[in-house]
Amino acid sequence: MTENKFDVLWQRAEAEGYSKRLAKEYPIWRQKQRRTLSVVAALLIVATLAVSLYTMQARQPQDYEKVYCNRVGTTDAQWAALAAEMLME
């Protein structure tokens, strides 16, 4: 057997061991990869929802300067006093 043929056989045997090990470990690796991708996707969805809810809340008015009523004779001051009393309770 020549040295070249020995090297080729040695590399083939070594590669066969690696390929068997990789084939055996591939399902476990793939499962971990899918789990990681699922977690990342879930985190992105939650972050997107949180940001959208925060921006929607930020757009809403935080205080009311006027009170409206469809009854004639009720002034804005009366409604403001009523609202202040309700908030203080």
C-alpha atoms as a PDB file:
ATOM      1  CA  MET A   1       0.000   0.000   0.000  1.00  0.00           C
ATOM      2  CA  THR A   2       1.400   3.345  -0.979  1.00  0.00           C
ATOM      3  CA  GLU A   3       1.528   6.314   1.304  1.00  0.00           C
ATOM      4  CA  ASN A   4      -0.871   8.239  -0.902  1.00  0.00           C
ATOM      5  CA  LYS A   5      -3.451   5.417  -0.824  1.00  0.00           C
ATOM      6  CA  PHE A   6      -3.051   5.166   2.949  1.00  0.00           C
ATOM      7  CA  ASP A   7      -3.724   8.913   3.315  1.00  0.00           C
ATOM      8  CA  VAL A   8      -6.823   8.662   1.134  1.00  0.00           C
ATOM      9  CA  LEU A   9      -8.185   5.734   3.164  1.00  0.00           C
ATOM     10  CA  TRP A  10      -7.371   7.494   6.427  1.00  0.00           C
ATOM     11  CA  GLN A  11      -9.189  10.668   5.332  1.00  0.00           C
ATOM     12  CA  ARG A  12     -12.186   8.653   4.131  1.00  0.00           C
ATOM     13  CA  ALA A  13     -12.418   6.792   7.459  1.00  0.00           C
ATOM     14  CA  GLU A  14     -12.080  10.036   9.372  1.00  0.00           C
ATOM     15  CA  ALA A  15     -14.733  11.726   7.201  1.00  0.00           C
ATOM     16  CA  GLU A  16     -17.092   8.776   7.668  1.00  0.00           C
ATOM     17  CA  GLY A  17     -16.852   9.167  11.446  1.00  0.00           C
ATOM     18  CA  TYR A  18     -17.611  12.859  11.205  1.00  0.00           C
ATOM     19  CA  SER A  19     -20.526  12.300   8.851  1.00  0.00           C
ATOM     20  CA  LYS A  20     -22.078   9.668  11.169  1.00  0.00           C
ATOM     21  CA  ARG A  21     -21.710  11.973  14.152  1.00  0.00           C
ATOM     22  CA  LEU A  22     -23.203  14.917  12.243  1.00  0.00           C
ATOM     23  CA  ALA A  23     -26.087  12.783  10.965  1.00  0.00           C
ATOM     24  CA  LYS A  24     -26.799  11.624  14.514  1.00  0.00           C
ATOM     25  CA  GLU A  25     -26.662  15.133  15.998  1.00  0.00           C
ATOM     26  CA  TYR A  26     -28.554  16.923  13.194  1.00  0.00           C
ATOM     27  CA  PRO A  27     -32.102  16.312  14.546  1.00  0.00           C
ATOM     28  CA  ILE A  28     -31.124  17.667  17.948  1.00  0.00           C
ATOM     29  CA  TRP A  29     -29.464  20.720  16.365  1.00  0.00           C
ATOM     30  CA  ARG A  30     -32.491  21.326  14.116  1.00  0.00           C
ATOM     31  CA  GLN A  31     -34.861  21.111  17.073  1.00  0.00           C
ATOM     32  CA  LYS A  32     -32.799  23.638  19.035  1.00  0.00           C
ATOM     33  CA  GLN A  33     -32.684  25.924  16.015  1.00  0.00           C
ATOM     34  CA  ARG A  34     -36.473  25.780  15.583  1.00  0.00           C
ATOM     35  CA  ARG A  35     -37.001  26.436  19.286  1.00  0.00           C
ATOM     36  CA  THR A  36     -34.667  29.424  19.159  1.00  0.00           C
ATOM     37  CA  LEU A  37     -36.391  30.824  16.083  1.00  0.00           C
ATOM     38  CA  SER A  38     -39.788  30.361  17.727  1.00  0.00           C
ATOM     39  CA  VAL A  39     -38.684  32.207  20.842  1.00  0.00           C
ATOM     40  CA  VAL A  40     -37.211  35.040  18.787  1.00  0.00           C
ATOM     41  CA  ALA A  41     -40.395  35.301  16.712  1.00  0.00           C
ATOM     42  CA  ALA A  42     -42.555  35.341  19.846  1.00  0.00           C
ATOM     43  CA  LEU A  43     -40.398  38.052  21.404  1.00  0.00           C
ATOM     44  CA  LEU A  44     -40.619  40.144  18.240  1.00  0.00           C
ATOM     45  CA  ILE A  45     -44.405  39.815  18.192  1.00  0.00           C
ATOM     46  CA  VAL A  46     -44.690  40.790  21.860  1.00  0.00           C
ATOM     47  CA  ALA A  47     -42.329  43.738  21.364  1.00  0.00           C
ATOM     48  CA  THR A  48     -44.293  44.908  18.319  1.00  0.00           C
ATOM     49  CA  LEU A  49     -47.573  44.714  20.225  1.00  0.00           C
ATOM     50  CA  ALA A  50     -46.097  46.539  23.203  1.00  0.00           C
ATOM     51  CA  VAL A  51     -44.738  49.337  21.036  1.00  0.00           C
ATOM     52  CA  SER A  52     -47.996  49.702  19.119  1.00  0.00           C
ATOM     53  CA  LEU A  53     -50.057  49.783  22.324  1.00  0.00           C
ATOM     54  CA  TYR A  54     -47.690  52.323  23.847  1.00  0.00           C
ATOM     55  CA  THR A  55     -47.881  54.598  20.810  1.00  0.00           C
ATOM     56  CA  MET A  56     -51.685  54.319  20.740  1.00  0.00           C
ATOM     57  CA  GLN A  57     -51.826  55.257  24.416  1.00  0.00           C
ATOM     58  CA  ALA A  58     -49.450  58.171  23.880  1.00  0.00           C
ATOM     59  CA  ARG A  59     -51.710  59.598  21.186  1.00  0.00           C
ATOM     60  CA  GLN A  60     -54.757  59.757  23.441  1.00  0.00           C
ATOM     61  CA  PRO A  61     -55.328  63.001  25.275  1.00  0.00           C
ATOM     62  CA  GLN A  62     -54.134  62.909  28.856  1.00  0.00           C
ATOM     63  CA  ASP A  63     -56.256  65.755  30.171  1.00  0.00           C
ATOM     64  CA  TYR A  64     -59.524  67.368  29.227  1.00  0.00           C
ATOM     65  CA  GLU A  65     -59.773  71.126  29.035  1.00  0.00           C
ATOM     66  CA  LYS A  66     -63.461  71.330  28.146  1.00  0.00           C
ATOM     67  CA  VAL A  67     -66.647  69.587  29.169  1.00  0.00           C
ATOM     68  CA  TYR A  68     -69.491  69.234  26.686  1.00  0.00           C
ATOM     69  CA  CYS A  69     -73.151  68.692  27.453  1.00  0.00           C
ATOM     70  CA  ASN A  70     -76.208  68.674  25.215  1.00  0.00           C
ATOM     71  CA  ARG A  71     -78.345  70.274  27.883  1.00  0.00           C
ATOM     72  CA  VAL A  72     -79.009  73.975  27.681  1.00  0.00           C
ATOM     73  CA  GLY A  73     -78.192  76.009  30.744  1.00  0.00           C
ATOM     74  CA  THR A  74     -75.349  73.870  32.121  1.00  0.00           C
ATOM     75  CA  THR A  75     -72.102  75.777  32.081  1.00  0.00           C
ATOM     76  CA  ASP A  76     -68.652  74.348  31.539  1.00  0.00           C
ATOM     77  CA  ALA A  77     -67.690  75.413  35.040  1.00  0.00           C
ATOM     78  CA  GLN A  78     -70.475  73.283  36.561  1.00  0.00           C
ATOM     79  CA  TRP A  79     -69.349  70.199  34.644  1.00  0.00           C
ATOM     80  CA  ALA A  80     -65.711  70.842  35.520  1.00  0.00           C
ATOM     81  CA  ALA A  81     -66.651  71.095  39.212  1.00  0.00           C
ATOM     82  CA  LEU A  82     -68.645  67.863  38.988  1.00  0.00           C
ATOM     83  CA  ALA A  83     -65.744  66.072  37.299  1.00  0.00           C
ATOM     84  CA  ALA A  84     -63.321  67.386  39.908  1.00  0.00           C
ATOM     85  CA  GLU A  85     -65.566  66.124  42.697  1.00  0.00           C
ATOM     86  CA  MET A  86     -65.881  62.687  41.070  1.00  0.00           C
ATOM     87  CA  LEU A  87     -62.122  62.403  40.641  1.00  0.00           C
ATOM     88  CA  MET A  88     -61.430  63.413  44.233  1.00  0.00           C
ATOM     89  CA  GLU A  89     -63.678  60.710  45.712  1.00  0.00           C
END
